[in-house]
Amino acid sequence: MDWEQKLLPYEGRLISIWIEDQSGEEQTKPKSYTLNKVEKSKDEETLKFYISPTQFLYVPLFGEDQTKLEYTDIEDSFVSHDIENKLVYRVYLAKV
């Protein structure tokens, strides 16, 4: 999947990031940022969501059943399920 192209329309828009820990640990709350750019790592196993010119969040990429875009009337979201580590990465994207 060409995630950089799929997420290009969201650059410059507000996003919220939440890493859900499904192991039962205390949960964090989503934090909001402006998405500067999205870039796939050289090994193509992670996606970098830049929240400033130098700061980014690495999100692991998996198969289509674990990493996908989800669409609702309110917002779209990039979701990646890291089953081994019991984490779900959620990047909520403001509607274009």
PDB file of N, CA and C in Angstrom:
ATOM      1  N   MET A   1       0.854  -1.183   0.000  1.00  0.00           N
ATOM      2  CA  MET A   1       0.000   0.000   0.000  1.00  0.00           C
ATOM      3  C   MET A   1       0.894   1.239   0.000  1.00  0.00           C
ATOM      4  N   ASP A   2       0.539   2.205  -0.805  1.00  0.00           N
ATOM      5  CA  ASP A   2       1.292   3.453  -0.860  1.00  0.00           C
ATOM      6  C   ASP A   2       0.695   4.444   0.146  1.00  0.00           C
ATOM      7  N   TRP A   3       1.073   4.269   1.405  1.00  0.00           N
ATOM      8  CA  TRP A   3       0.507   5.081   2.479  1.00  0.00           C
ATOM      9  C   TRP A   3       0.841   6.556   2.338  1.00  0.00           C
ATOM     10  N   GLU A   4       2.028   6.882   1.838  1.00  0.00           N
ATOM     11  CA  GLU A   4       2.397   8.300   1.684  1.00  0.00           C
ATOM     12  C   GLU A   4       1.402   9.011   0.768  1.00  0.00           C
ATOM     13  N   GLN A   5       1.029   8.383  -0.336  1.00  0.00           N
ATOM     14  CA  GLN A   5       0.080   8.985  -1.266  1.00  0.00           C
ATOM     15  C   GLN A   5      -1.326   9.025  -0.688  1.00  0.00           C
ATOM     16  N   LYS A   6      -1.736   7.949  -0.024  1.00  0.00           N
ATOM     17  CA  LYS A   6      -3.084   7.905   0.568  1.00  0.00           C
ATOM     18  C   LYS A   6      -3.270   8.969   1.649  1.00  0.00           C
ATOM     19  N   LEU A   7      -2.202   9.271   2.396  1.00  0.00           N
ATOM     20  CA  LEU A   7      -2.309  10.223   3.509  1.00  0.00           C
ATOM     21  C   LEU A   7      -1.911  11.647   3.125  1.00  0.00           C
ATOM     22  N   LEU A   8      -1.434  11.850   1.922  1.00  0.00           N
ATOM     23  CA  LEU A   8      -1.018  13.178   1.454  1.00  0.00           C
ATOM     24  C   LEU A   8      -2.105  14.248   1.641  1.00  0.00           C
ATOM     25  N   PRO A   9      -3.377  13.962   1.357  1.00  0.00           N
ATOM     26  CA  PRO A   9      -4.405  14.995   1.531  1.00  0.00           C
ATOM     27  C   PRO A   9      -4.567  15.493   2.970  1.00  0.00           C
ATOM     28  N   TYR A  10      -4.061  14.757   3.945  1.00  0.00           N
ATOM     29  CA  TYR A  10      -4.216  15.138   5.353  1.00  0.00           C
ATOM     30  C   TYR A  10      -3.083  16.026   5.861  1.00  0.00           C
ATOM     31  N   GLU A  11      -2.027  16.169   5.086  1.00  0.00           N
ATOM     32  CA  GLU A  11      -0.898  17.004   5.520  1.00  0.00           C
ATOM     33  C   GLU A  11      -1.364  18.441   5.702  1.00  0.00           C
ATOM     34  N   GLY A  12      -0.915  19.054   6.797  1.00  0.00           N
ATOM     35  CA  GLY A  12      -1.320  20.415   7.127  1.00  0.00           C
ATOM     36  C   GLY A  12      -2.616  20.480   7.920  1.00  0.00           C
ATOM     37  N   ARG A  13      -3.206  19.353   8.168  1.00  0.00           N
ATOM     38  CA  ARG A  13      -4.475  19.293   8.900  1.00  0.00           C
ATOM     39  C   ARG A  13      -4.263  18.794  10.323  1.00  0.00           C
ATOM     40  N   LEU A  14      -5.270  19.009  11.135  1.00  0.00           N
ATOM     41  CA  LEU A  14      -5.227  18.575  12.525  1.00  0.00           C
ATOM     42  C   LEU A  14      -5.384  17.055  12.607  1.00  0.00           C
ATOM     43  N   ILE A  15      -4.550  16.432  13.440  1.00  0.00           N
ATOM     44  CA  ILE A  15      -4.668  15.003  13.714  1.00  0.00           C
ATOM     45  C   ILE A  15      -4.658  14.797  15.224  1.00  0.00           C
ATOM     46  N   SER A  16      -5.191  13.683  15.659  1.00  0.00           N
ATOM     47  CA  SER A  16      -5.079  13.261  17.051  1.00  0.00           C
ATOM     48  C   SER A  16      -4.436  11.889  17.047  1.00  0.00           C
ATOM     49  N   ILE A  17      -3.489  11.700  17.951  1.00  0.00           N
ATOM     50  CA  ILE A  17      -2.751  10.439  18.030  1.00  0.00           C
ATOM     51  C   ILE A  17      -3.073   9.766  19.357  1.00  0.00           C
ATOM     52  N   TRP A  18      -3.373   8.476  19.274  1.00  0.00           N
ATOM     53  CA  TRP A  18      -3.630   7.698  20.481  1.00  0.00           C
ATOM     54  C   TRP A  18      -3.025   6.315  20.295  1.00  0.00           C
ATOM     55  N   ILE A  19      -2.232   5.889  21.246  1.00  0.00           N
ATOM     56  CA  ILE A  19      -1.689   4.536  21.248  1.00  0.00           C
ATOM     57  C   ILE A  19      -2.413   3.788  22.363  1.00  0.00           C
ATOM     58  N   GLU A  20      -3.283   2.877  21.959  1.00  0.00           N
ATOM     59  CA  GLU A  20      -4.096   2.124  22.908  1.00  0.00           C
ATOM     60  C   GLU A  20      -3.336   0.877  23.350  1.00  0.00           C
ATOM     61  N   ASP A  21      -3.150   0.732  24.636  1.00  0.00           N
ATOM     62  CA  ASP A  21      -2.459  -0.423  25.206  1.00  0.00           C
ATOM     63  C   ASP A  21      -3.503  -1.451  25.596  1.00  0.00           C
ATOM     64  N   GLN A  22      -3.554  -2.560  24.894  1.00  0.00           N
ATOM     65  CA  GLN A  22      -4.571  -3.575  25.150  1.00  0.00           C
ATOM     66  C   GLN A  22      -4.134  -4.611  26.172  1.00  0.00           C
ATOM     67  N   SER A  23      -3.000  -4.380  26.824  1.00  0.00           N
ATOM     68  CA  SER A  23      -2.527  -5.328  27.834  1.00  0.00           C
ATOM     69  C   SER A  23      -3.114  -5.035  29.209  1.00  0.00           C
ATOM     70  N   GLY A  24      -3.926  -3.993  29.306  1.00  0.00           N
ATOM     71  CA  GLY A  24      -4.548  -3.665  30.580  1.00  0.00           C
ATOM     72  C   GLY A  24      -3.847  -2.555  31.339  1.00  0.00           C
ATOM     73  N   GLU A  25      -2.784  -2.008  30.770  1.00  0.00           N
ATOM     74  CA  GLU A  25      -2.083  -0.897  31.411  1.00  0.00           C
ATOM     75  C   GLU A  25      -2.955   0.352  31.373  1.00  0.00           C
ATOM     76  N   GLU A  26      -2.577   1.342  32.183  1.00  0.00           N
ATOM     77  CA  GLU A  26      -3.309   2.608  32.206  1.00  0.00           C
ATOM     78  C   GLU A  26      -3.242   3.259  30.821  1.00  0.00           C
ATOM     79  N   GLN A  27      -4.372   3.754  30.363  1.00  0.00           N
ATOM     80  CA  GLN A  27      -4.456   4.330  29.026  1.00  0.00           C
ATOM     81  C   GLN A  27      -4.033   5.800  29.001  1.00  0.00           C
ATOM     82  N   THR A  28      -3.487   6.195  27.875  1.00  0.00           N
ATOM     83  CA  THR A  28      -3.192   7.602  27.637  1.00  0.00           C
ATOM     84  C   THR A  28      -4.420   8.226  26.977  1.00  0.00           C
ATOM     85  N   LYS A  29      -4.397   9.525  26.814  1.00  0.00           N
ATOM     86  CA  LYS A  29      -5.464  10.227  26.114  1.00  0.00           C
ATOM     87  C   LYS A  29      -4.925  10.679  24.767  1.00  0.00           C
ATOM     88  N   PRO A  30      -5.796  10.784  23.760  1.00  0.00           N
ATOM     89  CA  PRO A  30      -5.327  11.280  22.460  1.00  0.00           C
ATOM     90  C   PRO A  30      -4.745  12.682  22.589  1.00  0.00           C
ATOM     91  N   LYS A  31      -3.692  12.938  21.820  1.00  0.00           N
ATOM     92  CA  LYS A  31      -3.076  14.266  21.776  1.00  0.00           C
ATOM     93  C   LYS A  31      -3.176  14.794  20.360  1.00  0.00           C
ATOM     94  N   SER A  32      -3.419  16.097  20.226  1.00  0.00           N
ATOM     95  CA  SER A  32      -3.617  16.704  18.915  1.00  0.00           C
ATOM     96  C   SER A  32      -2.387  17.449  18.426  1.00  0.00           C
ATOM     97  N   TYR A  33      -2.176  17.375  17.126  1.00  0.00           N
ATOM     98  CA  TYR A  33      -1.045  18.011  16.460  1.00  0.00           C
ATOM     99  C   TYR A  33      -1.474  18.374  15.043  1.00  0.00           C
ATOM    100  N   THR A  34      -0.635  19.154  14.385  1.00  0.00           N
ATOM    101  CA  THR A  34      -0.799  19.380  12.956  1.00  0.00           C
ATOM    102  C   THR A  34       0.122  18.407  12.239  1.00  0.00           C
ATOM    103  N   LEU A  35      -0.410  17.718  11.256  1.00  0.00           N
ATOM    104  CA  LEU A  35       0.386  16.753  10.505  1.00  0.00           C
ATOM    105  C   LEU A  35       1.232  17.489   9.481  1.00  0.00           C
ATOM    106  N   ASN A  36       2.559  17.449   9.660  1.00  0.00           N
ATOM    107  CA  ASN A  36       3.458  18.105   8.714  1.00  0.00           C
ATOM    108  C   ASN A  36       3.676  17.269   7.464  1.00  0.00           C
ATOM    109  N   LYS A  37       3.957  15.978   7.656  1.00  0.00           N
ATOM    110  CA  LYS A  37       4.110  15.086   6.507  1.00  0.00           C
ATOM    111  C   LYS A  37       4.114  13.645   6.987  1.00  0.00           C
ATOM    112  N   VAL A  38       3.959  12.740   6.041  1.00  0.00           N
ATOM    113  CA  VAL A  38       3.994  11.304   6.299  1.00  0.00           C
ATOM    114  C   VAL A  38       5.072  10.729   5.399  1.00  0.00           C
ATOM    115  N   GLU A  39       5.893   9.874   5.988  1.00  0.00           N
ATOM    116  CA  GLU A  39       7.014   9.305   5.228  1.00  0.00           C
ATOM    117  C   GLU A  39       7.213   7.841   5.627  1.00  0.00           C
ATOM    118  N   LYS A  40       7.333   6.983   4.627  1.00  0.00           N
ATOM    119  CA  LYS A  40       7.603   5.572   4.901  1.00  0.00           C
ATOM    120  C   LYS A  40       9.089   5.409   5.183  1.00  0.00           C
ATOM    121  N   SER A  41       9.430   4.550   6.144  1.00  0.00           N
ATOM    122  CA  SER A  41      10.837   4.304   6.460  1.00  0.00           C
ATOM    123  C   SER A  41      11.499   3.552   5.301  1.00  0.00           C
ATOM    124  N   LYS A  42      12.819   3.585   5.270  1.00  0.00           N
ATOM    125  CA  LYS A  42      13.555   2.936   4.182  1.00  0.00           C
ATOM    126  C   LYS A  42      13.289   1.439   4.126  1.00  0.00           C
ATOM    127  N   ASP A  43      13.099   0.803   5.289  1.00  0.00           N
ATOM    128  CA  ASP A  43      12.826  -0.638   5.307  1.00  0.00           C
ATOM    129  C   ASP A  43      11.347  -0.949   5.022  1.00  0.00           C
ATOM    130  N   GLU A  44      10.526   0.102   4.888  1.00  0.00           N
ATOM    131  CA  GLU A  44       9.102   0.010   4.579  1.00  0.00           C
ATOM    132  C   GLU A  44       8.299  -0.762   5.625  1.00  0.00           C
ATOM    133  N   GLU A  45       8.817  -0.822   6.849  1.00  0.00           N
ATOM    134  CA  GLU A  45       8.113  -1.513   7.925  1.00  0.00           C
ATOM    135  C   GLU A  45       7.435  -0.558   8.885  1.00  0.00           C
ATOM    136  N   THR A  46       7.717   0.742   8.760  1.00  0.00           N
ATOM    137  CA  THR A  46       7.087   1.738   9.618  1.00  0.00           C
ATOM    138  C   THR A  46       6.728   2.969   8.797  1.00  0.00           C
ATOM    139  N   LEU A  47       5.802   3.735   9.346  1.00  0.00           N
ATOM    140  CA  LEU A  47       5.402   4.994   8.758  1.00  0.00           C
ATOM    141  C   LEU A  47       5.703   6.075   9.777  1.00  0.00           C
ATOM    142  N   LYS A  48       6.285   7.178   9.322  1.00  0.00           N
ATOM    143  CA  LYS A  48       6.586   8.289  10.217  1.00  0.00           C
ATOM    144  C   LYS A  48       5.543   9.386  10.024  1.00  0.00           C
ATOM    145  N   PHE A  49       4.852   9.730  11.114  1.00  0.00           N
ATOM    146  CA  PHE A  49       3.903  10.839  11.110  1.00  0.00           C
ATOM    147  C   PHE A  49       4.617  12.026  11.739  1.00  0.00           C
ATOM    148  N   TYR A  50       5.020  13.001  10.933  1.00  0.00           N
ATOM    149  CA  TYR A  50       5.739  14.177  11.431  1.00  0.00           C
ATOM    150  C   TYR A  50       4.760  15.165  12.039  1.00  0.00           C
ATOM    151  N   ILE A  51       5.009  15.540  13.306  1.00  0.00           N
ATOM    152  CA  ILE A  51       4.176  16.518  14.005  1.00  0.00           C
ATOM    153  C   ILE A  51       4.893  17.864  14.133  1.00  0.00           C
ATOM    154  N   SER A  52       6.111  17.914  13.651  1.00  0.00           N
ATOM    155  CA  SER A  52       6.901  19.142  13.504  1.00  0.00           C
ATOM    156  C   SER A  52       7.944  18.792  12.444  1.00  0.00           C
ATOM    157  N   PRO A  53       8.755  19.748  12.019  1.00  0.00           N
ATOM    158  CA  PRO A  53       9.765  19.408  11.011  1.00  0.00           C
ATOM    159  C   PRO A  53      10.751  18.324  11.461  1.00  0.00           C
ATOM    160  N   THR A  54      10.929  18.159  12.780  1.00  0.00           N
ATOM    161  CA  THR A  54      11.912  17.180  13.262  1.00  0.00           C
ATOM    162  C   THR A  54      11.348  16.099  14.174  1.00  0.00           C
ATOM    163  N   GLN A  55      10.121  16.246  14.648  1.00  0.00           N
ATOM    164  CA  GLN A  55       9.528  15.258  15.559  1.00  0.00           C
ATOM    165  C   GLN A  55       8.505  14.402  14.812  1.00  0.00           C
ATOM    166  N   PHE A  56       8.547  13.109  15.085  1.00  0.00           N
ATOM    167  CA  PHE A  56       7.599  12.218  14.425  1.00  0.00           C
ATOM    168  C   PHE A  56       7.279  11.034  15.310  1.00  0.00           C
ATOM    169  N   LEU A  57       6.181  10.377  14.964  1.00  0.00           N
ATOM    170  CA  LEU A  57       5.766   9.149  15.620  1.00  0.00           C
ATOM    171  C   LEU A  57       5.956   8.022  14.618  1.00  0.00           C
ATOM    172  N   TYR A  58       6.693   6.988  15.009  1.00  0.00           N
ATOM    173  CA  TYR A  58       6.824   5.779  14.200  1.00  0.00           C
ATOM    174  C   TYR A  58       5.604   4.916  14.439  1.00  0.00           C
ATOM    175  N   VAL A  59       4.977   4.449  13.377  1.00  0.00           N
ATOM    176  CA  VAL A  59       3.869   3.512  13.487  1.00  0.00           C
ATOM    177  C   VAL A  59       4.224   2.284  12.652  1.00  0.00           C
ATOM    178  N   PRO A  60       4.202   1.101  13.259  1.00  0.00           N
ATOM    179  CA  PRO A  60       4.538  -0.105  12.504  1.00  0.00           C
ATOM    180  C   PRO A  60       3.466  -0.422  11.462  1.00  0.00           C
ATOM    181  N   LEU A  61       3.912  -0.953  10.335  1.00  0.00           N
ATOM    182  CA  LEU A  61       3.006  -1.349   9.264  1.00  0.00           C
ATOM    183  C   LEU A  61       2.893  -2.872   9.229  1.00  0.00           C
ATOM    184  N   PHE A  62       1.674  -3.344   9.025  1.00  0.00           N
ATOM    185  CA  PHE A  62       1.406  -4.773   8.941  1.00  0.00           C
ATOM    186  C   PHE A  62       0.574  -5.023   7.690  1.00  0.00           C
ATOM    187  N   GLY A  63       0.021  -6.205   7.549  1.00  0.00           N
ATOM    188  CA  GLY A  63      -0.830  -6.531   6.409  1.00  0.00           C
ATOM    189  C   GLY A  63      -2.124  -5.737   6.420  1.00  0.00           C
ATOM    190  N   GLU A  64      -2.880  -5.857   5.328  1.00  0.00           N
ATOM    191  CA  GLU A  64      -4.117  -5.090   5.162  1.00  0.00           C
ATOM    192  C   GLU A  64      -5.160  -5.356   6.246  1.00  0.00           C
ATOM    193  N   ASP A  65      -5.113  -6.522   6.874  1.00  0.00           N
ATOM    194  CA  ASP A  65      -6.087  -6.811   7.924  1.00  0.00           C
ATOM    195  C   ASP A  65      -5.731  -6.132   9.245  1.00  0.00           C
ATOM    196  N   GLN A  66      -4.473  -5.706   9.402  1.00  0.00           N
ATOM    197  CA  GLN A  66      -4.040  -5.067  10.651  1.00  0.00           C
ATOM    198  C   GLN A  66      -3.755  -3.581  10.506  1.00  0.00           C
ATOM    199  N   THR A  67      -3.423  -3.119   9.310  1.00  0.00           N
ATOM    200  CA  THR A  67      -3.127  -1.707   9.075  1.00  0.00           C
ATOM    201  C   THR A  67      -4.060  -1.213   7.971  1.00  0.00           C
ATOM    202  N   LYS A  68      -4.859  -0.190   8.310  1.00  0.00           N
ATOM    203  CA  LYS A  68      -5.851   0.263   7.335  1.00  0.00           C
ATOM    204  C   LYS A  68      -6.354   1.657   7.651  1.00  0.00           C
ATOM    205  N   LEU A  69      -7.043   2.228   6.687  1.00  0.00           N
ATOM    206  CA  LEU A  69      -7.760   3.478   6.892  1.00  0.00           C
ATOM    207  C   LEU A  69      -9.211   3.125   7.177  1.00  0.00           C
ATOM    208  N   GLU A  70      -9.779   3.786   8.166  1.00  0.00           N
ATOM    209  CA  GLU A  70     -11.187   3.606   8.495  1.00  0.00           C
ATOM    210  C   GLU A  70     -11.877   4.948   8.297  1.00  0.00           C
ATOM    211  N   TYR A  71     -13.064   4.917   7.718  1.00  0.00           N
ATOM    212  CA  TYR A  71     -13.789   6.138   7.393  1.00  0.00           C
ATOM    213  C   TYR A  71     -15.106   6.201   8.158  1.00  0.00           C
ATOM    214  N   THR A  72     -15.398   7.394   8.716  1.00  0.00           N
ATOM    215  CA  THR A  72     -16.708   7.654   9.313  1.00  0.00           C
ATOM    216  C   THR A  72     -17.167   9.021   8.816  1.00  0.00           C
ATOM    217  N   ASP A  73     -18.382   9.403   9.163  1.00  0.00           N
ATOM    218  CA  ASP A  73     -18.892  10.718   8.768  1.00  0.00           C
ATOM    219  C   ASP A  73     -18.150  11.841   9.477  1.00  0.00           C
ATOM    220  N   ILE A  74     -17.628  11.562  10.674  1.00  0.00           N
ATOM    221  CA  ILE A  74     -16.994  12.597  11.490  1.00  0.00           C
ATOM    222  C   ILE A  74     -15.515  12.747  11.183  1.00  0.00           C
ATOM    223  N   GLU A  75     -14.807  11.615  11.094  1.00  0.00           N
ATOM    224  CA  GLU A  75     -13.364  11.668  10.851  1.00  0.00           C
ATOM    225  C   GLU A  75     -12.900  10.367  10.216  1.00  0.00           C
ATOM    226  N   ASP A  76     -11.732  10.425   9.632  1.00  0.00           N
ATOM    227  CA  ASP A  76     -11.075   9.241   9.111  1.00  0.00           C
ATOM    228  C   ASP A  76      -9.981   8.874  10.101  1.00  0.00           C
ATOM    229  N   SER A  77      -9.551   7.638  10.088  1.00  0.00           N
ATOM    230  CA  SER A  77      -8.463   7.271  10.989  1.00  0.00           C
ATOM    231  C   SER A  77      -7.579   6.205  10.354  1.00  0.00           C
ATOM    232  N   PHE A  78      -6.289   6.366  10.593  1.00  0.00           N
ATOM    233  CA  PHE A  78      -5.288   5.383  10.214  1.00  0.00           C
ATOM    234  C   PHE A  78      -5.102   4.516  11.447  1.00  0.00           C
ATOM    235  N   VAL A  79      -5.272   3.201  11.291  1.00  0.00           N
ATOM    236  CA  VAL A  79      -5.198   2.288  12.425  1.00  0.00           C
ATOM    237  C   VAL A  79      -4.225   1.166  12.096  1.00  0.00           C
ATOM    238  N   SER A  80      -3.333   0.886  13.047  1.00  0.00           N
ATOM    239  CA  SER A  80      -2.395  -0.213  12.881  1.00  0.00           C
ATOM    240  C   SER A  80      -2.381  -1.044  14.159  1.00  0.00           C
ATOM    241  N   HIS A  81      -2.750  -2.307  14.028  1.00  0.00           N
ATOM    242  CA  HIS A  81      -2.842  -3.229  15.172  1.00  0.00           C
ATOM    243  C   HIS A  81      -1.543  -4.015  15.308  1.00  0.00           C
ATOM    244  N   ASP A  82      -0.803  -3.739  16.380  1.00  0.00           N
ATOM    245  CA  ASP A  82       0.414  -4.484  16.695  1.00  0.00           C
ATOM    246  C   ASP A  82       0.008  -5.583  17.684  1.00  0.00           C
ATOM    247  N   ILE A  83      -0.401  -6.708  17.149  1.00  0.00           N
ATOM    248  CA  ILE A  83      -0.954  -7.789  17.968  1.00  0.00           C
ATOM    249  C   ILE A  83       0.084  -8.349  18.925  1.00  0.00           C
ATOM    250  N   GLU A  84       1.303  -8.510  18.466  1.00  0.00           N
ATOM    251  CA  GLU A  84       2.359  -9.086  19.303  1.00  0.00           C
ATOM    252  C   GLU A  84       2.600  -8.264  20.564  1.00  0.00           C
ATOM    253  N   ASN A  85       2.608  -6.943  20.426  1.00  0.00           N
ATOM    254  CA  ASN A  85       2.879  -6.058  21.564  1.00  0.00           C
ATOM    255  C   ASN A  85       1.608  -5.529  22.234  1.00  0.00           C
ATOM    256  N   LYS A  86       0.458  -5.975  21.762  1.00  0.00           N
ATOM    257  CA  LYS A  86      -0.838  -5.585  22.312  1.00  0.00           C
ATOM    258  C   LYS A  86      -1.049  -4.075  22.301  1.00  0.00           C
ATOM    259  N   LEU A  87      -0.698  -3.455  21.164  1.00  0.00           N
ATOM    260  CA  LEU A  87      -0.870  -2.016  20.986  1.00  0.00           C
ATOM    261  C   LEU A  87      -1.704  -1.758  19.735  1.00  0.00           C
ATOM    262  N   VAL A  88      -2.519  -0.723  19.790  1.00  0.00           N
ATOM    263  CA  VAL A  88      -3.249  -0.258  18.614  1.00  0.00           C
ATOM    264  C   VAL A  88      -2.887   1.210  18.433  1.00  0.00           C
ATOM    265  N   TYR A  89      -2.286   1.526  17.298  1.00  0.00           N
ATOM    266  CA  TYR A  89      -1.931   2.900  16.958  1.00  0.00           C
ATOM    267  C   TYR A  89      -3.100   3.502  16.205  1.00  0.00           C
ATOM    268  N   ARG A  90      -3.596   4.636  16.682  1.00  0.00           N
ATOM    269  CA  ARG A  90      -4.706   5.312  16.033  1.00  0.00           C
ATOM    270  C   ARG A  90      -4.305   6.752  15.744  1.00  0.00           C
ATOM    271  N   VAL A  91      -4.409   7.127  14.480  1.00  0.00           N
ATOM    272  CA  VAL A  91      -4.164   8.511  14.078  1.00  0.00           C
ATOM    273  C   VAL A  91      -5.474   8.996  13.468  1.00  0.00           C
ATOM    274  N   TYR A  92      -6.164   9.837  14.212  1.00  0.00           N
ATOM    275  CA  TYR A  92      -7.444  10.390  13.752  1.00  0.00           C
ATOM    276  C   TYR A  92      -7.145  11.580  12.857  1.00  0.00           C
ATOM    277  N   LEU A  93      -7.758  11.570  11.670  1.00  0.00           N
ATOM    278  CA  LEU A  93      -7.469  12.566  10.646  1.00  0.00           C
ATOM    279  C   LEU A  93      -8.687  13.445  10.414  1.00  0.00           C
ATOM    280  N   ALA A  94      -8.493  14.758  10.464  1.00  0.00           N
ATOM    281  CA  ALA A  94      -9.591  15.677  10.189  1.00  0.00           C
ATOM    282  C   ALA A  94     -10.071  15.459   8.760  1.00  0.00           C
ATOM    283  N   LYS A  95     -11.374  15.535   8.560  1.00  0.00           N
ATOM    284  CA  LYS A  95     -11.947  15.339   7.228  1.00  0.00           C
ATOM    285  C   LYS A  95     -11.384  16.357   6.257  1.00  0.00           C
ATOM    286  N   VAL A  96     -11.181  15.916   5.050  1.00  0.00           N
ATOM    287  CA  VAL A  96     -10.639  16.777   3.993  1.00  0.00           C
ATOM    288  C   VAL A  96     -11.768  17.516   3.330  1.00  0.00           C
TER     289      VAL A  96
END
